[in-house]
Amino acid sequence: MTKGLAFQFHNGPIGFLDHLAKVIDDLDDTDIELLERICNWSWTNDCVIPAGELPMSPQEVALRLNKLEDLELIDLGVRVQV
């Protein structure tokens, strides 16, 4: 069973915060809500996005996560197995 998808902040937490200010205008409300959850999961879930925890279709999840990765805010890793 897949626990979730590992991530890290691009260039670490400080790099993430510095870069966020540069790309904030490219994000919509859903992106920002997703980033808020990702920041929370960095503390509570060991930098793993839990499987099934996002209230959107798998296609939209993939689109949003790819967008955040393309904007160099996060780096996605491998699926974490339980």
Protein backbone atom coordinates (compact mmCIF):
# COMPACT_ATOMS: atom_id res chain seq x y z
CA MET A 1 0.00 0.00 0.00
CA THR A 2 1.21 3.50 -0.82
CA LYS A 3 1.49 5.79 2.19
CA GLY A 4 1.99 8.86 0.02
CA LEU A 5 4.43 10.85 -2.07
CA ALA A 6 7.67 12.14 -0.59
CA PHE A 7 8.63 15.75 -1.22
CA GLN A 8 11.17 18.31 -0.17
CA PHE A 9 11.28 22.05 -0.53
CA HIS A 10 13.31 23.17 -3.52
CA ASN A 11 16.63 24.52 -2.17
CA GLY A 12 15.45 23.81 1.38
CA PRO A 13 12.94 25.74 3.49
CA ILE A 14 14.73 29.10 3.15
CA GLY A 15 15.07 28.69 -0.62
CA PHE A 16 11.37 27.79 -0.77
CA LEU A 17 10.36 30.94 1.11
CA ASP A 18 12.64 33.18 -0.94
CA HIS A 19 11.38 31.75 -4.23
CA LEU A 20 7.72 31.79 -3.16
CA ALA A 21 7.76 35.58 -3.14
CA LYS A 22 8.94 35.57 -6.78
CA VAL A 23 6.24 33.21 -8.11
CA ILE A 24 3.30 34.04 -5.83
CA ASP A 25 1.45 35.79 -8.67
CA ASP A 26 1.53 32.52 -10.67
CA LEU A 27 -0.45 30.71 -7.95
CA ASP A 28 -4.21 30.61 -7.52
CA ASP A 29 -6.14 30.03 -4.30
CA THR A 30 -6.11 26.24 -4.74
CA ASP A 31 -2.32 26.24 -5.22
CA ILE A 32 -1.88 28.30 -2.08
CA GLU A 33 -4.18 26.02 -0.09
CA LEU A 34 -2.18 23.03 -1.34
CA LEU A 35 1.08 24.70 -0.32
CA GLU A 36 -0.35 25.36 3.14
CA ARG A 37 -1.14 21.66 3.48
CA ILE A 38 2.30 20.69 2.17
CA CYS A 39 3.94 22.94 4.75
CA ASN A 40 1.83 21.30 7.46
CA TRP A 41 2.76 17.83 6.22
CA SER A 42 6.44 18.76 6.34
CA TRP A 43 5.99 18.97 10.12
CA THR A 44 3.38 16.32 10.80
CA ASN A 45 3.96 13.65 8.16
CA ASP A 46 7.73 13.65 7.62
CA CYS A 47 7.49 15.43 4.24
CA VAL A 48 5.06 12.92 2.76
CA ILE A 49 1.86 13.96 0.99
CA PRO A 50 -0.60 11.36 2.33
CA ALA A 51 -2.35 9.21 -0.25
CA GLY A 52 -5.99 10.19 -0.66
CA GLU A 53 -5.79 13.32 1.49
CA LEU A 54 -6.40 15.89 -1.25
CA PRO A 55 -10.04 16.63 -2.16
CA MET A 56 -9.46 16.74 -5.91
CA SER A 57 -9.20 14.30 -8.78
CA PRO A 58 -5.93 12.45 -9.35
CA GLN A 59 -5.48 14.41 -12.59
CA GLU A 60 -5.84 17.75 -10.79
CA VAL A 61 -3.48 16.61 -8.01
CA ALA A 62 -0.89 15.69 -10.64
CA LEU A 63 -1.39 19.01 -12.46
CA ARG A 64 -1.04 21.06 -9.25
CA LEU A 65 2.00 19.16 -7.97
CA ASN A 66 3.69 19.41 -11.37
CA LYS A 67 2.98 23.16 -11.38
CA LEU A 68 4.58 23.57 -7.94
CA GLU A 69 7.55 21.53 -9.07
CA ASP A 70 7.87 23.52 -12.33
CA LEU A 71 7.84 26.74 -10.30
CA GLU A 72 10.73 25.29 -8.25
CA LEU A 73 8.83 25.36 -4.98
CA ILE A 74 8.92 21.64 -4.22
CA ASP A 75 10.81 18.59 -5.43
CA LEU A 76 8.79 15.41 -5.59
CA GLY A 77 10.31 12.10 -4.64
CA VAL A 78 9.26 8.48 -4.79
CA ARG A 79 6.11 6.93 -3.47
CA VAL A 80 6.46 5.90 0.15
CA GLN A 81 5.20 2.39 0.85
CA VAL A 82 3.68 1.25 4.15
